[in-house]
Every structure is written in C-alpha cells, then in structure tokens.
Amino acid sequence: AGQAELTEDTVQNELSYRQMLEQAVAENDFKLAIRIRYGGLLHLMDEKGMIRWDAHKTNRSYYYELKDKALRDDFEKLAYIFDCVCYGDFEVSASLYGQLEPVFDEFRDKLKK
C-alpha cells in the first residue's frame, strides 16, 4: 500500500481532528481527548483499508480485521485503554494523559508509514 492521496477531505479531516483534540486538552477534558484520539485512529485505519469502520462494530471486530500481528497487539492495548477511560469509571488526570498521549501517537505514526 502506497501513501494515501492528500485530498482536500483528508486535509480538512486532519485539521478538524487536531482542533477538536486541542480544544479537549485545553479544557482538561482528557476523557474526550482519548475518545477523539481513538476515533482518529479508527478513521485512519479505515482510510488505509486496514479495517472497515462501522458504528455497530466492536473493538474486537476491528482487532480481528487487522492483518498485521504487531499492529493488532498494539491496537488491543489502545482499545483496552479506550474502554477503561470511556466506559469504565476511570479518571484521566493531566499526568496520566501525558503518559497515554505518546502511546496513541506512536501507533498513529506506525499507521502513517
């Protein structure tokens, strides 16, 4: 798979993703920031043809769609973080978010290669 074409939609999606993320962090809404980061990863994986996004699919469905074992293992960790933060009663402090942020960024970087 080659580089994704840089279309106007791709640029616009990236800009709104960044703006939403920056706003959530600025408002110390780290739970929302994790949700935005995770959703952004799903969107990117769908864009690259690694998964087919669907609002009714589970994280486990996406896990099984991923062909690359290393990516699948990393995705499983991120899905666990997402589930704990967004569906568990798990508070995310600025400090914890600072530790989680690079984990999401590293996975995003892997996807962009």
PDB file of N, CA and C in Angstrom:
ATOM      1  N   ALA A   1       0.848  -1.194   0.000  1.00  0.00           N
ATOM      2  CA  ALA A   1       0.000   0.000   0.000  1.00  0.00           C
ATOM      3  C   ALA A   1       0.878   1.236   0.000  1.00  0.00           C
ATOM      4  N   GLY A   2       0.571   2.139  -0.895  1.00  0.00           N
ATOM      5  CA  GLY A   2       1.358   3.366  -1.002  1.00  0.00           C
ATOM      6  C   GLY A   2       0.829   4.453  -0.093  1.00  0.00           C
ATOM      7  N   GLN A   3       1.376   5.632  -0.265  1.00  0.00           N
ATOM      8  CA  GLN A   3       0.934   6.775   0.521  1.00  0.00           C
ATOM      9  C   GLN A   3      -0.502   7.109   0.162  1.00  0.00           C
ATOM     10  N   ALA A   4      -1.283   7.492   1.151  1.00  0.00           N
ATOM     11  CA  ALA A   4      -2.651   7.939   0.881  1.00  0.00           C
ATOM     12  C   ALA A   4      -2.582   9.278   0.163  1.00  0.00           C
ATOM     13  N   GLU A   5      -3.487   9.461  -0.783  1.00  0.00           N
ATOM     14  CA  GLU A   5      -3.501  10.727  -1.504  1.00  0.00           C
ATOM     15  C   GLU A   5      -3.894  11.842  -0.548  1.00  0.00           C
ATOM     16  N   LEU A   6      -3.252  12.981  -0.715  1.00  0.00           N
ATOM     17  CA  LEU A   6      -3.549  14.126   0.122  1.00  0.00           C
ATOM     18  C   LEU A   6      -4.686  14.903  -0.523  1.00  0.00           C
ATOM     19  N   THR A   7      -5.896  14.508  -0.214  1.00  0.00           N
ATOM     20  CA  THR A   7      -7.060  15.170  -0.795  1.00  0.00           C
ATOM     21  C   THR A   7      -7.521  16.296   0.122  1.00  0.00           C
ATOM     22  N   GLU A   8      -8.379  17.140  -0.413  1.00  0.00           N
ATOM     23  CA  GLU A   8      -8.924  18.245   0.385  1.00  0.00           C
ATOM     24  C   GLU A   8      -9.661  17.697   1.609  1.00  0.00           C
ATOM     25  N   ASP A   9     -10.404  16.598   1.420  1.00  0.00           N
ATOM     26  CA  ASP A   9     -11.125  15.987   2.541  1.00  0.00           C
ATOM     27  C   ASP A   9     -10.160  15.485   3.615  1.00  0.00           C
ATOM     28  N   THR A  10      -9.073  14.857   3.192  1.00  0.00           N
ATOM     29  CA  THR A  10      -8.085  14.350   4.142  1.00  0.00           C
ATOM     30  C   THR A  10      -7.496  15.493   4.948  1.00  0.00           C
ATOM     31  N   VAL A  11      -7.142  16.571   4.269  1.00  0.00           N
ATOM     32  CA  VAL A  11      -6.575  17.741   4.949  1.00  0.00           C
ATOM     33  C   VAL A  11      -7.599  18.315   5.922  1.00  0.00           C
ATOM     34  N   GLN A  12      -8.854  18.451   5.485  1.00  0.00           N
ATOM     35  CA  GLN A  12      -9.914  19.002   6.338  1.00  0.00           C
ATOM     36  C   GLN A  12     -10.155  18.113   7.551  1.00  0.00           C
ATOM     37  N   ASN A  13     -10.190  16.791   7.349  1.00  0.00           N
ATOM     38  CA  ASN A  13     -10.386  15.868   8.463  1.00  0.00           C
ATOM     39  C   ASN A  13      -9.263  15.986   9.477  1.00  0.00           C
ATOM     40  N   GLU A  14      -8.036  16.097   8.993  1.00  0.00           N
ATOM     41  CA  GLU A  14      -6.870  16.218   9.872  1.00  0.00           C
ATOM     42  C   GLU A  14      -6.946  17.524  10.672  1.00  0.00           C
ATOM     43  N   LEU A  15      -7.358  18.599  10.010  1.00  0.00           N
ATOM     44  CA  LEU A  15      -7.474  19.891  10.696  1.00  0.00           C
ATOM     45  C   LEU A  15      -8.548  19.840  11.777  1.00  0.00           C
ATOM     46  N   SER A  16      -9.720  19.297  11.465  1.00  0.00           N
ATOM     47  CA  SER A  16     -10.775  19.264  12.473  1.00  0.00           C
ATOM     48  C   SER A  16     -10.408  18.300  13.602  1.00  0.00           C
ATOM     49  N   TYR A  17      -9.720  17.206  13.277  1.00  0.00           N
ATOM     50  CA  TYR A  17      -9.230  16.279  14.303  1.00  0.00           C
ATOM     51  C   TYR A  17      -8.307  17.025  15.271  1.00  0.00           C
ATOM     52  N   ARG A  18      -7.334  17.741  14.722  1.00  0.00           N
ATOM     53  CA  ARG A  18      -6.380  18.495  15.550  1.00  0.00           C
ATOM     54  C   ARG A  18      -7.088  19.551  16.400  1.00  0.00           C
ATOM     55  N   GLN A  19      -8.037  20.276  15.794  1.00  0.00           N
ATOM     56  CA  GLN A  19      -8.761  21.332  16.518  1.00  0.00           C
ATOM     57  C   GLN A  19      -9.584  20.751  17.664  1.00  0.00           C
ATOM     58  N   MET A  20     -10.291  19.657  17.399  1.00  0.00           N
ATOM     59  CA  MET A  20     -11.097  19.029  18.453  1.00  0.00           C
ATOM     60  C   MET A  20     -10.208  18.530  19.585  1.00  0.00           C
ATOM     61  N   LEU A  21      -9.096  17.925  19.217  1.00  0.00           N
ATOM     62  CA  LEU A  21      -8.168  17.395  20.208  1.00  0.00           C
ATOM     63  C   LEU A  21      -7.583  18.516  21.057  1.00  0.00           C
ATOM     64  N   GLU A  22      -7.111  19.585  20.401  1.00  0.00           N
ATOM     65  CA  GLU A  22      -6.536  20.717  21.133  1.00  0.00           C
ATOM     66  C   GLU A  22      -7.555  21.341  22.077  1.00  0.00           C
ATOM     67  N   GLN A  23      -8.807  21.454  21.635  1.00  0.00           N
ATOM     68  CA  GLN A  23      -9.842  22.042  22.479  1.00  0.00           C
ATOM     69  C   GLN A  23     -10.121  21.166  23.700  1.00  0.00           C
ATOM     70  N   ALA A  24     -10.220  19.860  23.493  1.00  0.00           N
ATOM     71  CA  ALA A  24     -10.478  18.939  24.611  1.00  0.00           C
ATOM     72  C   ALA A  24      -9.356  19.036  25.645  1.00  0.00           C
ATOM     73  N   VAL A  25      -8.105  19.065  25.183  1.00  0.00           N
ATOM     74  CA  VAL A  25      -6.961  19.150  26.093  1.00  0.00           C
ATOM     75  C   VAL A  25      -6.958  20.504  26.810  1.00  0.00           C
ATOM     76  N   ALA A  26      -7.240  21.582  26.069  1.00  0.00           N
ATOM     77  CA  ALA A  26      -7.266  22.921  26.661  1.00  0.00           C
ATOM     78  C   ALA A  26      -8.325  23.014  27.762  1.00  0.00           C
ATOM     79  N   GLU A  27      -9.405  22.269  27.598  1.00  0.00           N
ATOM     80  CA  GLU A  27     -10.487  22.271  28.592  1.00  0.00           C
ATOM     81  C   GLU A  27     -10.299  21.187  29.655  1.00  0.00           C
ATOM     82  N   ASN A  28      -9.125  20.536  29.646  1.00  0.00           N
ATOM     83  CA  ASN A  28      -8.815  19.461  30.592  1.00  0.00           C
ATOM     84  C   ASN A  28      -9.840  18.329  30.546  1.00  0.00           C
ATOM     85  N   ASP A  29     -10.440  18.116  29.378  1.00  0.00           N
ATOM     86  CA  ASP A  29     -11.374  17.006  29.195  1.00  0.00           C
ATOM     87  C   ASP A  29     -10.589  15.855  28.568  1.00  0.00           C
ATOM     88  N   PHE A  30      -9.814  15.183  29.405  1.00  0.00           N
ATOM     89  CA  PHE A  30      -8.901  14.153  28.917  1.00  0.00           C
ATOM     90  C   PHE A  30      -9.636  12.890  28.475  1.00  0.00           C
ATOM     91  N   LYS A  31     -10.801  12.647  29.059  1.00  0.00           N
ATOM     92  CA  LYS A  31     -11.623  11.511  28.616  1.00  0.00           C
ATOM     93  C   LYS A  31     -12.039  11.743  27.156  1.00  0.00           C
ATOM     94  N   LEU A  32     -12.481  12.957  26.842  1.00  0.00           N
ATOM     95  CA  LEU A  32     -12.853  13.295  25.470  1.00  0.00           C
ATOM     96  C   LEU A  32     -11.638  13.242  24.553  1.00  0.00           C
ATOM     97  N   ALA A  33     -10.497  13.707  25.041  1.00  0.00           N
ATOM     98  CA  ALA A  33      -9.271  13.684  24.229  1.00  0.00           C
ATOM     99  C   ALA A  33      -8.903  12.243  23.846  1.00  0.00           C
ATOM    100  N   ILE A  34      -9.053  11.305  24.775  1.00  0.00           N
ATOM    101  CA  ILE A  34      -8.778   9.886  24.485  1.00  0.00           C
ATOM    102  C   ILE A  34      -9.787   9.382  23.443  1.00  0.00           C
ATOM    103  N   ARG A  35     -11.051   9.761  23.611  1.00  0.00           N
ATOM    104  CA  ARG A  35     -12.092   9.347  22.658  1.00  0.00           C
ATOM    105  C   ARG A  35     -11.779   9.870  21.255  1.00  0.00           C
ATOM    106  N   ILE A  36     -11.352  11.131  21.160  1.00  0.00           N
ATOM    107  CA  ILE A  36     -11.003  11.739  19.868  1.00  0.00           C
ATOM    108  C   ILE A  36      -9.793  11.035  19.258  1.00  0.00           C
ATOM    109  N   ARG A  37      -8.767  10.793  20.073  1.00  0.00           N
ATOM    110  CA  ARG A  37      -7.567  10.116  19.569  1.00  0.00           C
ATOM    111  C   ARG A  37      -7.906   8.715  19.040  1.00  0.00           C
ATOM    112  N   TYR A  38      -8.704   7.990  19.794  1.00  0.00           N
ATOM    113  CA  TYR A  38      -9.061   6.629  19.397  1.00  0.00           C
ATOM    114  C   TYR A  38      -9.894   6.644  18.119  1.00  0.00           C
ATOM    115  N   GLY A  39     -10.866   7.529  18.065  1.00  0.00           N
ATOM    116  CA  GLY A  39     -11.692   7.664  16.865  1.00  0.00           C
ATOM    117  C   GLY A  39     -10.854   8.041  15.654  1.00  0.00           C
ATOM    118  N   GLY A  40      -9.862   8.893  15.872  1.00  0.00           N
ATOM    119  CA  GLY A  40      -8.961   9.286  14.793  1.00  0.00           C
ATOM    120  C   GLY A  40      -8.170   8.099  14.261  1.00  0.00           C
ATOM    121  N   LEU A  41      -7.770   7.204  15.160  1.00  0.00           N
ATOM    122  CA  LEU A  41      -7.040   6.002  14.737  1.00  0.00           C
ATOM    123  C   LEU A  41      -7.938   5.083  13.912  1.00  0.00           C
ATOM    124  N   LEU A  42      -9.178   4.923  14.353  1.00  0.00           N
ATOM    125  CA  LEU A  42     -10.116   4.083  13.594  1.00  0.00           C
ATOM    126  C   LEU A  42     -10.329   4.677  12.202  1.00  0.00           C
ATOM    127  N   HIS A  43     -10.482   5.990  12.142  1.00  0.00           N
ATOM    128  CA  HIS A  43     -10.679   6.669  10.856  1.00  0.00           C
ATOM    129  C   HIS A  43      -9.467   6.448   9.941  1.00  0.00           C
ATOM    130  N   LEU A  44      -8.285   6.587  10.499  1.00  0.00           N
ATOM    131  CA  LEU A  44      -7.055   6.415   9.725  1.00  0.00           C
ATOM    132  C   LEU A  44      -6.919   4.975   9.228  1.00  0.00           C
ATOM    133  N   MET A  45      -7.224   4.010  10.099  1.00  0.00           N
ATOM    134  CA  MET A  45      -7.143   2.603   9.687  1.00  0.00           C
ATOM    135  C   MET A  45      -8.158   2.305   8.585  1.00  0.00           C
ATOM    136  N   ASP A  46      -9.340   2.898   8.686  1.00  0.00           N
ATOM    137  CA  ASP A  46     -10.355   2.723   7.649  1.00  0.00           C
ATOM    138  C   ASP A  46      -9.882   3.347   6.338  1.00  0.00           C
ATOM    139  N   GLU A  47      -9.334   4.553   6.428  1.00  0.00           N
ATOM    140  CA  GLU A  47      -8.839   5.266   5.248  1.00  0.00           C
ATOM    141  C   GLU A  47      -7.755   4.462   4.527  1.00  0.00           C
ATOM    142  N   LYS A  48      -6.938   3.751   5.302  1.00  0.00           N
ATOM    143  CA  LYS A  48      -5.845   2.969   4.719  1.00  0.00           C
ATOM    144  C   LYS A  48      -6.282   1.554   4.320  1.00  0.00           C
ATOM    145  N   GLY A  49      -7.556   1.235   4.495  1.00  0.00           N
ATOM    146  CA  GLY A  49      -8.068  -0.072   4.091  1.00  0.00           C
ATOM    147  C   GLY A  49      -7.708  -1.199   5.036  1.00  0.00           C
ATOM    148  N   MET A  50      -7.274  -0.878   6.264  1.00  0.00           N
ATOM    149  CA  MET A  50      -6.907  -1.917   7.239  1.00  0.00           C
ATOM    150  C   MET A  50      -8.140  -2.487   7.937  1.00  0.00           C
ATOM    151  N   ILE A  51      -9.157  -1.647   8.082  1.00  0.00           N
ATOM    152  CA  ILE A  51     -10.432  -2.053   8.666  1.00  0.00           C
ATOM    153  C   ILE A  51     -11.540  -1.375   7.860  1.00  0.00           C
ATOM    154  N   ARG A  52     -12.759  -1.822   8.085  1.00  0.00           N
ATOM    155  CA  ARG A  52     -13.928  -1.122   7.538  1.00  0.00           C
ATOM    156  C   ARG A  52     -14.690  -0.599   8.740  1.00  0.00           C
ATOM    157  N   TRP A  53     -14.666   0.718   8.932  1.00  0.00           N
ATOM    158  CA  TRP A  53     -15.332   1.306  10.086  1.00  0.00           C
ATOM    159  C   TRP A  53     -16.834   1.157   9.962  1.00  0.00           C
ATOM    160  N   ASP A  54     -17.466   0.857  11.071  1.00  0.00           N
ATOM    161  CA  ASP A  54     -18.919   0.778  11.140  1.00  0.00           C
ATOM    162  C   ASP A  54     -19.309   1.062  12.591  1.00  0.00           C
ATOM    163  N   ALA A  55     -20.281   1.933  12.775  1.00  0.00           N
ATOM    164  CA  ALA A  55     -20.700   2.342  14.120  1.00  0.00           C
ATOM    165  C   ALA A  55     -21.166   1.169  14.982  1.00  0.00           C
ATOM    166  N   HIS A  56     -21.553   0.066  14.345  1.00  0.00           N
ATOM    167  CA  HIS A  56     -22.073  -1.074  15.099  1.00  0.00           C
ATOM    168  C   HIS A  56     -21.019  -2.135  15.404  1.00  0.00           C
ATOM    169  N   LYS A  57     -19.802  -1.930  14.920  1.00  0.00           N
ATOM    170  CA  LYS A  57     -18.743  -2.908  15.186  1.00  0.00           C
ATOM    171  C   LYS A  57     -18.142  -2.685  16.566  1.00  0.00           C
ATOM    172  N   THR A  58     -17.590  -3.755  17.088  1.00  0.00           N
ATOM    173  CA  THR A  58     -16.901  -3.672  18.383  1.00  0.00           C
ATOM    174  C   THR A  58     -15.400  -3.529  18.147  1.00  0.00           C
ATOM    175  N   ASN A  59     -14.694  -3.160  19.191  1.00  0.00           N
ATOM    176  CA  ASN A  59     -13.231  -3.087  19.104  1.00  0.00           C
ATOM    177  C   ASN A  59     -12.649  -4.451  18.771  1.00  0.00           C
ATOM    178  N   ARG A  60     -13.299  -5.493  19.248  1.00  0.00           N
ATOM    179  CA  ARG A  60     -12.834  -6.858  18.967  1.00  0.00           C
ATOM    180  C   ARG A  60     -12.951  -7.155  17.470  1.00  0.00           C
ATOM    181  N   SER A  61     -14.006  -6.664  16.836  1.00  0.00           N
ATOM    182  CA  SER A  61     -14.170  -6.854  15.392  1.00  0.00           C
ATOM    183  C   SER A  61     -13.006  -6.216  14.642  1.00  0.00           C
ATOM    184  N   TYR A  62     -12.652  -4.998  15.041  1.00  0.00           N
ATOM    185  CA  TYR A  62     -11.530  -4.313  14.384  1.00  0.00           C
ATOM    186  C   TYR A  62     -10.223  -5.064  14.634  1.00  0.00           C
ATOM    187  N   TYR A  63     -10.068  -5.577  15.838  1.00  0.00           N
ATOM    188  CA  TYR A  63      -8.875  -6.347  16.192  1.00  0.00           C
ATOM    189  C   TYR A  63      -8.699  -7.506  15.206  1.00  0.00           C
ATOM    190  N   TYR A  64      -9.769  -8.242  14.941  1.00  0.00           N
ATOM    191  CA  TYR A  64      -9.670  -9.400  14.049  1.00  0.00           C
ATOM    192  C   TYR A  64      -9.508  -9.007  12.584  1.00  0.00           C
ATOM    193  N   GLU A  65      -9.932  -7.799  12.228  1.00  0.00           N
ATOM    194  CA  GLU A  65      -9.758  -7.334  10.844  1.00  0.00           C
ATOM    195  C   GLU A  65      -8.308  -6.984  10.533  1.00  0.00           C
ATOM    196  N   LEU A  66      -7.575  -6.550  11.552  1.00  0.00           N
ATOM    197  CA  LEU A  66      -6.180  -6.162  11.320  1.00  0.00           C
ATOM    198  C   LEU A  66      -5.340  -7.387  10.979  1.00  0.00           C
ATOM    199  N   LYS A  67      -4.637  -7.323   9.862  1.00  0.00           N
ATOM    200  CA  LYS A  67      -3.843  -8.460   9.406  1.00  0.00           C
ATOM    201  C   LYS A  67      -2.461  -8.495  10.076  1.00  0.00           C
ATOM    202  N   ASP A  68      -1.881  -7.329  10.316  1.00  0.00           N
ATOM    203  CA  ASP A  68      -0.538  -7.214  10.873  1.00  0.00           C
ATOM    204  C   ASP A  68      -0.567  -7.529  12.376  1.00  0.00           C
ATOM    205  N   LYS A  69       0.129  -8.598  12.780  1.00  0.00           N
ATOM    206  CA  LYS A  69       0.104  -9.062  14.179  1.00  0.00           C
ATOM    207  C   LYS A  69       0.613  -8.001  15.145  1.00  0.00           C
ATOM    208  N   ALA A  70       1.694  -7.313  14.800  1.00  0.00           N
ATOM    209  CA  ALA A  70       2.256  -6.289  15.691  1.00  0.00           C
ATOM    210  C   ALA A  70       1.261  -5.138  15.871  1.00  0.00           C
ATOM    211  N   LEU A  71       0.654  -4.710  14.771  1.00  0.00           N
ATOM    212  CA  LEU A  71      -0.357  -3.651  14.863  1.00  0.00           C
ATOM    213  C   LEU A  71      -1.550  -4.123  15.679  1.00  0.00           C
ATOM    214  N   ARG A  72      -1.923  -5.374  15.483  1.00  0.00           N
ATOM    215  CA  ARG A  72      -3.060  -5.924  16.212  1.00  0.00           C
ATOM    216  C   ARG A  72      -2.805  -5.907  17.720  1.00  0.00           C
ATOM    217  N   ASP A  73      -1.598  -6.296  18.122  1.00  0.00           N
ATOM    218  CA  ASP A  73      -1.243  -6.287  19.548  1.00  0.00           C
ATOM    219  C   ASP A  73      -1.268  -4.868  20.115  1.00  0.00           C
ATOM    220  N   ASP A  74      -0.717  -3.917  19.362  1.00  0.00           N
ATOM    221  CA  ASP A  74      -0.727  -2.513  19.804  1.00  0.00           C
ATOM    222  C   ASP A  74      -2.156  -1.989  19.876  1.00  0.00           C
ATOM    223  N   PHE A  75      -2.962  -2.327  18.876  1.00  0.00           N
ATOM    224  CA  PHE A  75      -4.359  -1.883  18.848  1.00  0.00           C
ATOM    225  C   PHE A  75      -5.112  -2.425  20.055  1.00  0.00           C
ATOM    226  N   GLU A  76      -4.848  -3.665  20.417  1.00  0.00           N
ATOM    227  CA  GLU A  76      -5.534  -4.273  21.561  1.00  0.00           C
ATOM    228  C   GLU A  76      -5.266  -3.477  22.843  1.00  0.00           C
ATOM    229  N   LYS A  77      -4.026  -3.015  23.021  1.00  0.00           N
ATOM    230  CA  LYS A  77      -3.688  -2.197  24.195  1.00  0.00           C
ATOM    231  C   LYS A  77      -4.443  -0.871  24.167  1.00  0.00           C
ATOM    232  N   LEU A  78      -4.501  -0.235  22.988  1.00  0.00           N
ATOM    233  CA  LEU A  78      -5.203   1.036  22.865  1.00  0.00           C
ATOM    234  C   LEU A  78      -6.706   0.859  23.088  1.00  0.00           C
ATOM    235  N   ALA A  79      -7.266  -0.227  22.577  1.00  0.00           N
ATOM    236  CA  ALA A  79      -8.691  -0.499  22.770  1.00  0.00           C
ATOM    237  C   ALA A  79      -8.993  -0.692  24.255  1.00  0.00           C
ATOM    238  N   TYR A  80      -8.090  -1.337  24.964  1.00  0.00           N
ATOM    239  CA  TYR A  80      -8.251  -1.545  26.402  1.00  0.00           C
ATOM    240  C   TYR A  80      -8.242  -0.201  27.135  1.00  0.00           C
ATOM    241  N   ILE A  81      -7.283   0.659  26.776  1.00  0.00           N
ATOM    242  CA  ILE A  81      -7.211   1.996  27.374  1.00  0.00           C
ATOM    243  C   ILE A  81      -8.515   2.756  27.093  1.00  0.00           C
ATOM    244  N   PHE A  82      -8.936   2.731  25.831  1.00  0.00           N
ATOM    245  CA  PHE A  82     -10.164   3.415  25.433  1.00  0.00           C
ATOM    246  C   PHE A  82     -11.354   2.909  26.250  1.00  0.00           C
ATOM    247  N   ASP A  83     -11.502   1.587  26.350  1.00  0.00           N
ATOM    248  CA  ASP A  83     -12.626   1.014  27.097  1.00  0.00           C
ATOM    249  C   ASP A  83     -12.594   1.422  28.567  1.00  0.00           C
ATOM    250  N   CYS A  84     -11.423   1.372  29.185  1.00  0.00           N
ATOM    251  CA  CYS A  84     -11.296   1.750  30.601  1.00  0.00           C
ATOM    252  C   CYS A  84     -11.676   3.212  30.812  1.00  0.00           C
ATOM    253  N   VAL A  85     -11.168   4.064  29.930  1.00  0.00           N
ATOM    254  CA  VAL A  85     -11.380   5.506  30.069  1.00  0.00           C
ATOM    255  C   VAL A  85     -12.820   5.890  29.726  1.00  0.00           C
ATOM    256  N   CYS A  86     -13.329   5.399  28.616  1.00  0.00           N
ATOM    257  CA  CYS A  86     -14.628   5.874  28.122  1.00  0.00           C
ATOM    258  C   CYS A  86     -15.821   5.108  28.666  1.00  0.00           C
ATOM    259  N   TYR A  87     -15.619   3.866  29.070  1.00  0.00           N
ATOM    260  CA  TYR A  87     -16.747   3.078  29.564  1.00  0.00           C
ATOM    261  C   TYR A  87     -16.587   2.654  31.011  1.00  0.00           C
ATOM    262  N   GLY A  88     -15.374   2.747  31.523  1.00  0.00           N
ATOM    263  CA  GLY A  88     -15.145   2.426  32.927  1.00  0.00           C
ATOM    264  C   GLY A  88     -15.279   3.695  33.755  1.00  0.00           C
ATOM    265  N   ASP A  89     -15.149   3.575  35.022  1.00  0.00           N
ATOM    266  CA  ASP A  89     -15.218   4.736  35.903  1.00  0.00           C
ATOM    267  C   ASP A  89     -13.787   5.169  36.201  1.00  0.00           C
ATOM    268  N   PHE A  90     -13.058   5.482  35.141  1.00  0.00           N
ATOM    269  CA  PHE A  90     -11.617   5.703  35.224  1.00  0.00           C
ATOM    270  C   PHE A  90     -11.308   7.166  34.929  1.00  0.00           C
ATOM    271  N   GLU A  91     -10.832   7.875  35.935  1.00  0.00           N
ATOM    272  CA  GLU A  91     -10.498   9.293  35.750  1.00  0.00           C
ATOM    273  C   GLU A  91      -9.129   9.430  35.090  1.00  0.00           C
ATOM    274  N   VAL A  92      -9.027  10.372  34.169  1.00  0.00           N
ATOM    275  CA  VAL A  92      -7.753  10.628  33.492  1.00  0.00           C
ATOM    276  C   VAL A  92      -7.265  12.017  33.894  1.00  0.00           C
ATOM    277  N   SER A  93      -6.178  12.032  34.657  1.00  0.00           N
ATOM    278  CA  SER A  93      -5.559  13.290  35.075  1.00  0.00           C
ATOM    279  C   SER A  93      -4.666  13.801  33.948  1.00  0.00           C
ATOM    280  N   ALA A  94      -4.228  15.027  34.075  1.00  0.00           N
ATOM    281  CA  ALA A  94      -3.292  15.595  33.089  1.00  0.00           C
ATOM    282  C   ALA A  94      -2.025  14.756  33.044  1.00  0.00           C
ATOM    283  N   SER A  95      -1.585  14.304  34.184  1.00  0.00           N
ATOM    284  CA  SER A  95      -0.373  13.490  34.268  1.00  0.00           C
ATOM    285  C   SER A  95      -0.545  12.150  33.538  1.00  0.00           C
ATOM    286  N   LEU A  96      -1.662  11.480  33.793  1.00  0.00           N
ATOM    287  CA  LEU A  96      -1.914  10.200  33.122  1.00  0.00           C
ATOM    288  C   LEU A  96      -2.084  10.408  31.620  1.00  0.00           C
ATOM    289  N   TYR A  97      -2.795  11.460  31.242  1.00  0.00           N
ATOM    290  CA  TYR A  97      -2.965  11.748  29.816  1.00  0.00           C
ATOM    291  C   TYR A  97      -1.602  11.957  29.157  1.00  0.00           C
ATOM    292  N   GLY A  98      -0.705  12.621  29.862  1.00  0.00           N
ATOM    293  CA  GLY A  98       0.653  12.834  29.350  1.00  0.00           C
ATOM    294  C   GLY A  98       1.393  11.528  29.114  1.00  0.00           C
ATOM    295  N   GLN A  99       1.065  10.509  29.892  1.00  0.00           N
ATOM    296  CA  GLN A  99       1.682   9.185  29.705  1.00  0.00           C
ATOM    297  C   GLN A  99       1.005   8.408  28.569  1.00  0.00           C
ATOM    298  N   LEU A 100      -0.293   8.615  28.385  1.00  0.00           N
ATOM    299  CA  LEU A 100      -1.039   7.881  27.355  1.00  0.00           C
ATOM    300  C   LEU A 100      -0.861   8.486  25.964  1.00  0.00           C
ATOM    301  N   GLU A 101      -0.696   9.787  25.919  1.00  0.00           N
ATOM    302  CA  GLU A 101      -0.585  10.508  24.642  1.00  0.00           C
ATOM    303  C   GLU A 101       0.455   9.897  23.701  1.00  0.00           C
ATOM    304  N   PRO A 102       1.688   9.639  24.172  1.00  0.00           N
ATOM    305  CA  PRO A 102       2.691   9.068  23.257  1.00  0.00           C
ATOM    306  C   PRO A 102       2.335   7.665  22.751  1.00  0.00           C
ATOM    307  N   VAL A 103       1.591   6.912  23.534  1.00  0.00           N
ATOM    308  CA  VAL A 103       1.189   5.563  23.117  1.00  0.00           C
ATOM    309  C   VAL A 103       0.288   5.669  21.882  1.00  0.00           C
ATOM    310  N   PHE A 104      -0.647   6.614  21.921  1.00  0.00           N
ATOM    311  CA  PHE A 104      -1.527   6.839  20.781  1.00  0.00           C
ATOM    312  C   PHE A 104      -0.741   7.403  19.596  1.00  0.00           C
ATOM    313  N   ASP A 105       0.155   8.346  19.872  1.00  0.00           N
ATOM    314  CA  ASP A 105       0.949   8.966  18.803  1.00  0.00           C
ATOM    315  C   ASP A 105       1.841   7.950  18.095  1.00  0.00           C
ATOM    316  N   GLU A 106       2.459   7.045  18.858  1.00  0.00           N
ATOM    317  CA  GLU A 106       3.339   6.037  18.256  1.00  0.00           C
ATOM    318  C   GLU A 106       2.542   5.116  17.330  1.00  0.00           C
ATOM    319  N   PHE A 107       1.346   4.738  17.748  1.00  0.00           N
ATOM    320  CA  PHE A 107       0.518   3.875  16.906  1.00  0.00           C
ATOM    321  C   PHE A 107       0.109   4.633  15.644  1.00  0.00           C
ATOM    322  N   ARG A 108      -0.264   5.895  15.792  1.00  0.00           N
ATOM    323  CA  ARG A 108      -0.652   6.725  14.641  1.00  0.00           C
ATOM    324  C   ARG A 108       0.516   6.837  13.666  1.00  0.00           C
ATOM    325  N   ASP A 109       1.725   7.012  14.186  1.00  0.00           N
ATOM    326  CA  ASP A 109       2.911   7.106  13.326  1.00  0.00           C
ATOM    327  C   ASP A 109       3.128   5.805  12.555  1.00  0.00           C
ATOM    328  N   LYS A 110       2.920   4.667  13.227  1.00  0.00           N
ATOM    329  CA  LYS A 110       3.057   3.367  12.559  1.00  0.00           C
ATOM    330  C   LYS A 110       2.053   3.242  11.410  1.00  0.00           C
ATOM    331  N   LEU A 111       0.848   3.743  11.636  1.00  0.00           N
ATOM    332  CA  LEU A 111      -0.199   3.647  10.613  1.00  0.00           C
ATOM    333  C   LEU A 111       0.124   4.517   9.412  1.00  0.00           C
ATOM    334  N   LYS A 112       0.797   5.618   9.634  1.00  0.00           N
ATOM    335  CA  LYS A 112       1.076   6.557   8.556  1.00  0.00           C
ATOM    336  C   LYS A 112       2.240   6.098   7.658  1.00  0.00           C
ATOM    337  N   LYS A 113       2.974   5.075   8.088  1.00  0.00           N
ATOM    338  CA  LYS A 113       4.114   4.589   7.292  1.00  0.00           C
ATOM    339  C   LYS A 113       3.647   3.821   6.077  1.00  0.00           C
TER     340      LYS A 113
END
